[in-house]
Amino acid sequence: PEAQLDRFLLKITIDYPNLEEEVEIITREHKLKTTKLAQITSS
């Protein structure tokens, strides 16, 4: 409902990546040795 949408500060629309980004995504997935979350450090 509109009343609930109004409570979100931002609505972010995420688009598809372009060709170069798509290649990078596939390459990283191919080389991935651990989980994605394990690569992130709390800072």
All heavy atoms as atom14 arrays in JSON, in Angstrom:
{
  "sequence": "PEAQLDRFLLKITIDYPNLEEEVEIITREHKLKTTKLAQITSS",
  "atom14_mask": [
    [1, 1, 1, 1, 1, 1, 1, 0, 0, 0, 0, 0, 0, 0],
    [1, 1, 1, 1, 1, 1, 1, 1, 1, 0, 0, 0, 0, 0],
    [1, 1, 1, 1, 1, 0, 0, 0, 0, 0, 0, 0, 0, 0],
    [1, 1, 1, 1, 1, 1, 1, 1, 1, 0, 0, 0, 0, 0],
    [1, 1, 1, 1, 1, 1, 1, 1, 0, 0, 0, 0, 0, 0],
    [1, 1, 1, 1, 1, 1, 1, 1, 0, 0, 0, 0, 0, 0],
    [1, 1, 1, 1, 1, 1, 1, 1, 1, 1, 1, 0, 0, 0],
    [1, 1, 1, 1, 1, 1, 1, 1, 1, 1, 1, 0, 0, 0],
    [1, 1, 1, 1, 1, 1, 1, 1, 0, 0, 0, 0, 0, 0],
    [1, 1, 1, 1, 1, 1, 1, 1, 0, 0, 0, 0, 0, 0],
    [1, 1, 1, 1, 1, 1, 1, 1, 1, 0, 0, 0, 0, 0],
    [1, 1, 1, 1, 1, 1, 1, 1, 0, 0, 0, 0, 0, 0],
    [1, 1, 1, 1, 1, 1, 1, 0, 0, 0, 0, 0, 0, 0],
    [1, 1, 1, 1, 1, 1, 1, 1, 0, 0, 0, 0, 0, 0],
    [1, 1, 1, 1, 1, 1, 1, 1, 0, 0, 0, 0, 0, 0],
    [1, 1, 1, 1, 1, 1, 1, 1, 1, 1, 1, 1, 0, 0],
    [1, 1, 1, 1, 1, 1, 1, 0, 0, 0, 0, 0, 0, 0],
    [1, 1, 1, 1, 1, 1, 1, 1, 0, 0, 0, 0, 0, 0],
    [1, 1, 1, 1, 1, 1, 1, 1, 0, 0, 0, 0, 0, 0],
    [1, 1, 1, 1, 1, 1, 1, 1, 1, 0, 0, 0, 0, 0],
    [1, 1, 1, 1, 1, 1, 1, 1, 1, 0, 0, 0, 0, 0],
    [1, 1, 1, 1, 1, 1, 1, 1, 1, 0, 0, 0, 0, 0],
    [1, 1, 1, 1, 1, 1, 1, 0, 0, 0, 0, 0, 0, 0],
    [1, 1, 1, 1, 1, 1, 1, 1, 1, 0, 0, 0, 0, 0],
    [1, 1, 1, 1, 1, 1, 1, 1, 0, 0, 0, 0, 0, 0],
    [1, 1, 1, 1, 1, 1, 1, 1, 0, 0, 0, 0, 0, 0],
    [1, 1, 1, 1, 1, 1, 1, 0, 0, 0, 0, 0, 0, 0],
    [1, 1, 1, 1, 1, 1, 1, 1, 1, 1, 1, 0, 0, 0],
    [1, 1, 1, 1, 1, 1, 1, 1, 1, 0, 0, 0, 0, 0],
    [1, 1, 1, 1, 1, 1, 1, 1, 1, 1, 0, 0, 0, 0],
    [1, 1, 1, 1, 1, 1, 1, 1, 1, 0, 0, 0, 0, 0],
    [1, 1, 1, 1, 1, 1, 1, 1, 0, 0, 0, 0, 0, 0],
    [1, 1, 1, 1, 1, 1, 1, 1, 1, 0, 0, 0, 0, 0],
    [1, 1, 1, 1, 1, 1, 1, 0, 0, 0, 0, 0, 0, 0],
    [1, 1, 1, 1, 1, 1, 1, 0, 0, 0, 0, 0, 0, 0],
    [1, 1, 1, 1, 1, 1, 1, 1, 1, 0, 0, 0, 0, 0],
    [1, 1, 1, 1, 1, 1, 1, 1, 0, 0, 0, 0, 0, 0],
    [1, 1, 1, 1, 1, 0, 0, 0, 0, 0, 0, 0, 0, 0],
    [1, 1, 1, 1, 1, 1, 1, 1, 1, 0, 0, 0, 0, 0],
    [1, 1, 1, 1, 1, 1, 1, 1, 0, 0, 0, 0, 0, 0],
    [1, 1, 1, 1, 1, 1, 1, 0, 0, 0, 0, 0, 0, 0],
    [1, 1, 1, 1, 1, 1, 0, 0, 0, 0, 0, 0, 0, 0],
    [1, 1, 1, 1, 1, 1, 0, 0, 0, 0, 0, 0, 0, 0]
  ],
  "atom14_positions": [
    [[0.83, -1.21, 0.0], [0.0, 0.0, 0.0], [0.86, 1.26, 0.0], [2.01, 1.24, 0.47], [-0.8, -0.12, 1.3], [0.0, -1.02, 2.17], [0.71, -1.97, 1.26], [0.0, 0.0, 0.0], [0.0, 0.0, 0.0], [0.0, 0.0, 0.0], [0.0, 0.0, 0.0], [0.0, 0.0, 0.0], [0.0, 0.0, 0.0], [0.0, 0.0, 0.0]],
    [[0.3, 2.34, -0.52], [1.05, 3.6, -0.62], [1.56, 4.07, 0.74], [2.67, 4.61, 0.86], [0.17, 4.69, -1.26], [0.13, 4.66, -2.78], [-0.54, 3.4, -3.32], [-1.51, 2.94, -2.68], [-0.09, 2.89, -4.35], [0.0, 0.0, 0.0], [0.0, 0.0, 0.0], [0.0, 0.0, 0.0], [0.0, 0.0, 0.0], [0.0, 0.0, 0.0]],
    [[0.75, 3.86, 1.79], [1.15, 4.3, 3.13], [2.41, 3.59, 3.59], [3.23, 4.17, 4.31], [0.01, 4.04, 4.12], [0.0, 0.0, 0.0], [0.0, 0.0, 0.0], [0.0, 0.0, 0.0], [0.0, 0.0, 0.0], [0.0, 0.0, 0.0], [0.0, 0.0, 0.0], [0.0, 0.0, 0.0], [0.0, 0.0, 0.0], [0.0, 0.0, 0.0]],
    [[2.58, 2.34, 3.17], [3.79, 1.6, 3.56], [4.97, 1.97, 2.66], [6.1, 2.11, 3.14], [3.55, 0.11, 3.51], [4.73, -0.7, 4.04], [4.35, -2.08, 4.49], [3.29, -2.56, 4.17], [5.21, -2.73, 5.24], [0.0, 0.0, 0.0], [0.0, 0.0, 0.0], [0.0, 0.0, 0.0], [0.0, 0.0, 0.0], [0.0, 0.0, 0.0]],
    [[4.72, 2.14, 1.38], [5.79, 2.56, 0.47], [6.4, 3.88, 0.93], [7.6, 4.1, 0.83], [5.23, 2.72, -0.95], [4.96, 1.43, -1.73], [4.2, 1.75, -3.02], [6.24, 0.69, -2.04], [0.0, 0.0, 0.0], [0.0, 0.0, 0.0], [0.0, 0.0, 0.0], [0.0, 0.0, 0.0], [0.0, 0.0, 0.0], [0.0, 0.0, 0.0]],
    [[5.54, 4.76, 1.47], [5.98, 6.08, 1.91], [6.96, 6.01, 3.06], [7.68, 6.96, 3.34], [4.75, 6.91, 2.31], [5.03, 8.4, 2.27], [5.82, 8.84, 1.41], [4.48, 9.14, 3.1], [0.0, 0.0, 0.0], [0.0, 0.0, 0.0], [0.0, 0.0, 0.0], [0.0, 0.0, 0.0], [0.0, 0.0, 0.0], [0.0, 0.0, 0.0]],
    [[6.98, 4.87, 3.75], [7.87, 4.72, 4.9], [9.27, 4.26, 4.5], [10.16, 4.19, 5.34], [7.25, 3.76, 5.93], [6.16, 4.44, 6.76], [5.3, 3.44, 7.5], [4.41, 4.1, 8.46], [3.31, 4.76, 8.15], [2.95, 4.88, 6.88], [2.56, 5.32, 9.07], [0.0, 0.0, 0.0], [0.0, 0.0, 0.0], [0.0, 0.0, 0.0]],
    [[9.45, 3.89, 3.24], [10.79, 3.58, 2.74], [11.47, 4.87, 2.32], [10.94, 5.6, 1.48], [10.72, 2.61, 1.56], [10.38, 1.2, 1.94], [9.1, 0.71, 1.79], [11.35, 0.35, 2.46], [8.78, -0.59, 2.14], [11.04, -0.95, 2.82], [9.76, -1.42, 2.66], [0.0, 0.0, 0.0], [0.0, 0.0, 0.0], [0.0, 0.0, 0.0]],
    [[12.62, 5.15, 2.89], [13.35, 6.35, 2.51], [13.7, 6.31, 1.02], [13.53, 7.3, 0.31], [14.63, 6.47, 3.34], [15.52, 7.68, 3.03], [14.87, 8.96, 3.54], [16.92, 7.51, 3.62], [0.0, 0.0, 0.0], [0.0, 0.0, 0.0], [0.0, 0.0, 0.0], [0.0, 0.0, 0.0], [0.0, 0.0, 0.0], [0.0, 0.0, 0.0]],
    [[14.19, 5.16, 0.56], [14.63, 5.02, -0.82], [14.03, 3.78, -1.47], [13.86, 2.75, -0.81], [16.16, 4.89, -0.9], [17.03, 5.97, -0.27], [18.5, 5.58, -0.36], [16.8, 7.32, -0.93], [0.0, 0.0, 0.0], [0.0, 0.0, 0.0], [0.0, 0.0, 0.0], [0.0, 0.0, 0.0], [0.0, 0.0, 0.0], [0.0, 0.0, 0.0]],
    [[13.74, 3.89, -2.74], [13.46, 2.72, -3.57], [14.56, 2.68, -4.63], [14.69, 3.6, -5.44], [12.09, 2.81, -4.23], [11.82, 1.63, -5.16], [10.5, 1.8, -5.9], [10.3, 0.72, -6.94], [9.07, 0.93, -7.75], [0.0, 0.0, 0.0], [0.0, 0.0, 0.0], [0.0, 0.0, 0.0], [0.0, 0.0, 0.0], [0.0, 0.0, 0.0]],
    [[15.33, 1.61, -4.6], [16.46, 1.48, -5.53], [16.13, 0.41, -6.57], [15.85, -0.73, -6.22], [17.76, 1.1, -4.78], [18.02, 2.08, -3.62], [18.93, 1.06, -5.74], [19.2, 1.69, -2.75], [0.0, 0.0, 0.0], [0.0, 0.0, 0.0], [0.0, 0.0, 0.0], [0.0, 0.0, 0.0], [0.0, 0.0, 0.0], [0.0, 0.0, 0.0]],
    [[16.16, 0.82, -7.82], [15.9, -0.11, -8.91], [17.24, -0.65, -9.42], [18.13, 0.12, -9.8], [15.16, 0.58, -10.06], [13.95, 1.16, -9.54], [14.8, -0.41, -11.16], [0.0, 0.0, 0.0], [0.0, 0.0, 0.0], [0.0, 0.0, 0.0], [0.0, 0.0, 0.0], [0.0, 0.0, 0.0], [0.0, 0.0, 0.0], [0.0, 0.0, 0.0]],
    [[17.38, -1.97, -9.4], [18.64, -2.61, -9.82], [18.48, -3.14, -11.24], [17.6, -3.97, -11.51], [19.03, -3.75, -8.86], [19.09, -3.23, -7.42], [20.37, -4.36, -9.27], [19.41, -4.29, -6.4], [0.0, 0.0, 0.0], [0.0, 0.0, 0.0], [0.0, 0.0, 0.0], [0.0, 0.0, 0.0], [0.0, 0.0, 0.0], [0.0, 0.0, 0.0]],
    [[19.33, -2.66, -12.14], [19.27, -3.07, -13.54], [20.24, -4.22, -13.81], [21.09, -4.56, -12.98], [19.62, -1.88, -14.45], [18.57, -0.78, -14.36], [17.38, -1.11, -14.26], [18.96, 0.41, -14.38], [0.0, 0.0, 0.0], [0.0, 0.0, 0.0], [0.0, 0.0, 0.0], [0.0, 0.0, 0.0], [0.0, 0.0, 0.0], [0.0, 0.0, 0.0]],
    [[20.1, -4.79, -15.0], [21.04, -5.83, -15.43], [22.42, -5.22, -15.67], [22.54, -4.05, -16.03], [20.55, -6.48, -16.72], [19.38, -7.42, -16.55], [18.16, -7.16, -17.18], [19.48, -8.56, -15.77], [17.08, -8.02, -17.04], [18.41, -9.42, -15.62], [17.21, -9.14, -16.26], [16.14, -10.0, -16.1], [0.0, 0.0, 0.0], [0.0, 0.0, 0.0]],
    [[23.49, -6.01, -15.49], [24.83, -5.5, -15.77], [25.08, -5.39, -17.28], [24.38, -6.02, -18.08], [25.73, -6.58, -15.15], [24.91, -7.84, -15.19], [23.49, -7.39, -14.98], [0.0, 0.0, 0.0], [0.0, 0.0, 0.0], [0.0, 0.0, 0.0], [0.0, 0.0, 0.0], [0.0, 0.0, 0.0], [0.0, 0.0, 0.0], [0.0, 0.0, 0.0]],
    [[26.08, -4.58, -17.65], [26.46, -4.51, -19.07], [27.37, -5.69, -19.4], [27.66, -6.54, -18.55], [27.12, -3.17, -19.39], [28.38, -2.92, -18.56], [29.11, -3.85, -18.22], [28.65, -1.67, -18.23], [0.0, 0.0, 0.0], [0.0, 0.0, 0.0], [0.0, 0.0, 0.0], [0.0, 0.0, 0.0], [0.0, 0.0, 0.0], [0.0, 0.0, 0.0]],
    [[27.84, -5.75, -20.64], [28.62, -6.91, -21.11], [29.9, -7.1, -20.3], [30.2, -8.22, -19.85], [28.96, -6.74, -22.59], [29.84, -7.85, -23.21], [29.14, -9.21, -23.11], [30.19, -7.53, -24.65], [0.0, 0.0, 0.0], [0.0, 0.0, 0.0], [0.0, 0.0, 0.0], [0.0, 0.0, 0.0], [0.0, 0.0, 0.0], [0.0, 0.0, 0.0]],
    [[30.65, -5.99, -20.08], [31.92, -6.1, -19.35], [31.67, -6.58, -17.92], [32.42, -7.42, -17.4], [32.65, -4.75, -19.33], [33.2, -4.3, -20.68], [32.13, -3.76, -21.61], [31.01, -3.48, -21.13], [32.39, -3.63, -22.81], [0.0, 0.0, 0.0], [0.0, 0.0, 0.0], [0.0, 0.0, 0.0], [0.0, 0.0, 0.0], [0.0, 0.0, 0.0]],
    [[30.63, -6.05, -17.29], [30.32, -6.45, -15.92], [29.86, -7.91, -15.86], [30.21, -8.64, -14.94], [29.23, -5.53, -15.36], [29.71, -4.1, -15.1], [28.58, -3.14, -14.78], [27.41, -3.48, -15.09], [28.85, -2.06, -14.25], [0.0, 0.0, 0.0], [0.0, 0.0, 0.0], [0.0, 0.0, 0.0], [0.0, 0.0, 0.0], [0.0, 0.0, 0.0]],
    [[29.1, -8.32, -16.87], [28.63, -9.71, -16.92], [29.82, -10.68, -17.03], [29.86, -11.72, -16.36], [27.69, -9.91, -18.1], [26.98, -11.25, -18.12], [25.62, -11.2, -17.48], [25.05, -10.13, -17.34], [25.12, -12.29, -17.12], [0.0, 0.0, 0.0], [0.0, 0.0, 0.0], [0.0, 0.0, 0.0], [0.0, 0.0, 0.0], [0.0, 0.0, 0.0]],
    [[30.79, -10.32, -17.87], [31.99, -11.14, -18.02], [32.74, -11.23, -16.69], [33.2, -12.3, -16.28], [32.91, -10.57, -19.13], [34.27, -11.26, -19.12], [32.25, -10.7, -20.49], [0.0, 0.0, 0.0], [0.0, 0.0, 0.0], [0.0, 0.0, 0.0], [0.0, 0.0, 0.0], [0.0, 0.0, 0.0], [0.0, 0.0, 0.0], [0.0, 0.0, 0.0]],
    [[32.86, -10.1, -16.0], [33.55, -10.06, -14.71], [32.83, -10.92, -13.67], [33.45, -11.63, -12.88], [33.66, -8.61, -14.23], [34.35, -8.44, -12.88], [35.81, -8.83, -12.88], [36.42, -8.91, -13.97], [36.35, -9.09, -11.79], [0.0, 0.0, 0.0], [0.0, 0.0, 0.0], [0.0, 0.0, 0.0], [0.0, 0.0, 0.0], [0.0, 0.0, 0.0]],
    [[31.5, -10.87, -13.66], [30.7, -11.66, -12.72], [30.95, -13.15, -12.95], [31.18, -13.92, -12.0], [29.2, -11.34, -12.88], [28.9, -9.93, -12.36], [28.34, -12.36, -12.12], [27.52, -9.42, -12.73], [0.0, 0.0, 0.0], [0.0, 0.0, 0.0], [0.0, 0.0, 0.0], [0.0, 0.0, 0.0], [0.0, 0.0, 0.0], [0.0, 0.0, 0.0]],
    [[30.91, -13.57, -14.21], [31.12, -14.98, -14.54], [32.54, -15.43, -14.19], [32.75, -16.51, -13.64], [30.83, -15.23, -16.04], [29.37, -14.9, -16.37], [31.12, -16.69, -16.41], [29.07, -14.86, -17.86], [0.0, 0.0, 0.0], [0.0, 0.0, 0.0], [0.0, 0.0, 0.0], [0.0, 0.0, 0.0], [0.0, 0.0, 0.0], [0.0, 0.0, 0.0]],
    [[33.52, -14.56, -14.49], [34.93, -14.87, -14.2], [35.16, -15.04, -12.71], [35.83, -15.98, -12.27], [35.85, -13.75, -14.75], [35.61, -13.59, -16.16], [37.31, -14.09, -14.51], [0.0, 0.0, 0.0], [0.0, 0.0, 0.0], [0.0, 0.0, 0.0], [0.0, 0.0, 0.0], [0.0, 0.0, 0.0], [0.0, 0.0, 0.0], [0.0, 0.0, 0.0]],
    [[34.59, -14.14, -11.92], [34.75, -14.23, -10.45], [34.11, -15.51, -9.92], [34.66, -16.15, -9.02], [34.13, -13.01, -9.78], [34.92, -11.73, -9.96], [34.38, -10.66, -9.02], [34.99, -9.36, -9.26], [34.76, -8.29, -8.51], [33.94, -8.37, -7.47], [35.34, -7.13, -8.79], [0.0, 0.0, 0.0], [0.0, 0.0, 0.0], [0.0, 0.0, 0.0]],
    [[32.96, -15.85, -10.45], [32.27, -17.06, -10.0], [33.1, -18.3, -10.34], [33.18, -19.25, -9.57], [30.89, -17.15, -10.65], [29.99, -18.24, -10.11], [29.55, -18.01, -8.67], [29.46, -16.84, -8.24], [29.32, -19.01, -7.96], [0.0, 0.0, 0.0], [0.0, 0.0, 0.0], [0.0, 0.0, 0.0], [0.0, 0.0, 0.0], [0.0, 0.0, 0.0]],
    [[33.72, -18.27, -11.5], [34.56, -19.38, -11.96], [35.77, -19.58, -11.03], [36.18, -20.71, -10.76], [35.02, -19.11, -13.39], [35.98, -20.13, -13.92], [35.67, -21.46, -14.04], [37.28, -20.01, -14.33], [36.72, -22.12, -14.52], [37.71, -21.26, -14.7], [0.0, 0.0, 0.0], [0.0, 0.0, 0.0], [0.0, 0.0, 0.0], [0.0, 0.0, 0.0]],
    [[36.32, -18.46, -10.54], [37.52, -18.51, -9.71], [37.21, -18.63, -8.22], [38.13, -18.77, -7.4], [38.38, -17.25, -9.94], [38.95, -17.15, -11.35], [39.75, -15.87, -11.5], [40.35, -15.76, -12.9], [41.11, -14.49, -13.07], [0.0, 0.0, 0.0], [0.0, 0.0, 0.0], [0.0, 0.0, 0.0], [0.0, 0.0, 0.0], [0.0, 0.0, 0.0]],
    [[35.94, -18.57, -7.86], [35.54, -18.54, -6.45], [35.95, -19.81, -5.72], [35.63, -20.92, -6.14], [34.02, -18.34, -6.35], [33.45, -18.01, -4.97], [33.97, -16.65, -4.49], [31.93, -18.0, -5.02], [0.0, 0.0, 0.0], [0.0, 0.0, 0.0], [0.0, 0.0, 0.0], [0.0, 0.0, 0.0], [0.0, 0.0, 0.0], [0.0, 0.0, 0.0]],
    [[36.69, -19.66, -4.62], [37.16, -20.8, -3.84], [36.41, -20.93, -2.5], [36.54, -21.92, -1.81], [38.66, -20.66, -3.55], [39.53, -20.53, -4.79], [39.43, -21.76, -5.69], [40.37, -21.61, -6.89], [40.16, -22.68, -7.88], [0.0, 0.0, 0.0], [0.0, 0.0, 0.0], [0.0, 0.0, 0.0], [0.0, 0.0, 0.0], [0.0, 0.0, 0.0]],
    [[35.67, -19.89, -2.13], [34.95, -19.89, -0.86], [33.59, -19.22, -1.07], [33.25, -18.85, -2.18], [35.76, -19.13, 0.21], [35.05, -19.18, 1.46], [36.0, -17.68, -0.18], [0.0, 0.0, 0.0], [0.0, 0.0, 0.0], [0.0, 0.0, 0.0], [0.0, 0.0, 0.0], [0.0, 0.0, 0.0], [0.0, 0.0, 0.0], [0.0, 0.0, 0.0]],
    [[32.81, -19.07, 0.0], [31.51, -18.4, -0.15], [31.71, -16.9, -0.3], [32.74, -16.35, 0.13], [30.61, -18.66, 1.08], [31.23, -18.07, 2.23], [30.41, -20.16, 1.3], [0.0, 0.0, 0.0], [0.0, 0.0, 0.0], [0.0, 0.0, 0.0], [0.0, 0.0, 0.0], [0.0, 0.0, 0.0], [0.0, 0.0, 0.0], [0.0, 0.0, 0.0]],
    [[30.72, -16.24, -0.89], [30.82, -14.79, -1.08], [30.87, -14.06, 0.25], [31.64, -13.12, 0.43], [29.63, -14.31, -1.92], [29.63, -14.8, -3.36], [28.44, -14.24, -4.12], [28.5, -14.6, -5.61], [28.27, -16.03, -5.82], [0.0, 0.0, 0.0], [0.0, 0.0, 0.0], [0.0, 0.0, 0.0], [0.0, 0.0, 0.0], [0.0, 0.0, 0.0]],
    [[30.06, -14.5, 1.2], [30.02, -13.84, 2.5], [31.35, -13.96, 3.24], [31.73, -13.06, 3.99], [28.89, -14.41, 3.36], [27.47, -13.98, 3.0], [26.46, -14.76, 3.83], [27.28, -12.48, 3.21], [0.0, 0.0, 0.0], [0.0, 0.0, 0.0], [0.0, 0.0, 0.0], [0.0, 0.0, 0.0], [0.0, 0.0, 0.0], [0.0, 0.0, 0.0]],
    [[32.06, -15.07, 3.03], [33.32, -15.29, 3.72], [34.4, -14.3, 3.28], [35.4, -14.11, 3.99], [33.8, -16.72, 3.49], [0.0, 0.0, 0.0], [0.0, 0.0, 0.0], [0.0, 0.0, 0.0], [0.0, 0.0, 0.0], [0.0, 0.0, 0.0], [0.0, 0.0, 0.0], [0.0, 0.0, 0.0], [0.0, 0.0, 0.0], [0.0, 0.0, 0.0]],
    [[34.21, -13.66, 2.14], [35.19, -12.7, 1.64], [35.08, -11.33, 2.3], [35.96, -10.49, 2.17], [35.02, -12.52, 0.12], [35.22, -13.81, -0.68], [35.0, -13.58, -2.15], [35.7, -12.78, -2.78], [34.03, -14.26, -2.73], [0.0, 0.0, 0.0], [0.0, 0.0, 0.0], [0.0, 0.0, 0.0], [0.0, 0.0, 0.0], [0.0, 0.0, 0.0]],
    [[33.96, -11.11, 3.0], [33.69, -9.79, 3.58], [34.11, -9.74, 5.05], [33.81, -10.64, 5.82], [32.19, -9.44, 3.46], [31.72, -9.56, 2.0], [31.91, -8.06, 4.02], [32.4, -8.59, 1.06], [0.0, 0.0, 0.0], [0.0, 0.0, 0.0], [0.0, 0.0, 0.0], [0.0, 0.0, 0.0], [0.0, 0.0, 0.0], [0.0, 0.0, 0.0]],
    [[34.81, -8.67, 5.41], [35.24, -8.45, 6.8], [34.42, -7.33, 7.41], [34.22, -6.28, 6.79], [36.73, -8.07, 6.84], [37.49, -9.08, 6.2], [37.21, -7.9, 8.28], [0.0, 0.0, 0.0], [0.0, 0.0, 0.0], [0.0, 0.0, 0.0], [0.0, 0.0, 0.0], [0.0, 0.0, 0.0], [0.0, 0.0, 0.0], [0.0, 0.0, 0.0]],
    [[33.93, -7.55, 8.63], [33.18, -6.51, 9.34], [34.13, -5.37, 9.72], [35.18, -5.62, 10.3], [32.52, -7.08, 10.6], [31.63, -8.13, 10.26], [0.0, 0.0, 0.0], [0.0, 0.0, 0.0], [0.0, 0.0, 0.0], [0.0, 0.0, 0.0], [0.0, 0.0, 0.0], [0.0, 0.0, 0.0], [0.0, 0.0, 0.0], [0.0, 0.0, 0.0]],
    [[33.73, -4.14, 9.38], [34.68, -3.04, 9.58], [34.08, -1.83, 10.28], [34.79, -0.85, 10.51], [35.24, -2.59, 8.22], [34.19, -2.17, 7.37], [0.0, 0.0, 0.0], [0.0, 0.0, 0.0], [0.0, 0.0, 0.0], [0.0, 0.0, 0.0], [0.0, 0.0, 0.0], [0.0, 0.0, 0.0], [0.0, 0.0, 0.0], [0.0, 0.0, 0.0]]
  ]
}
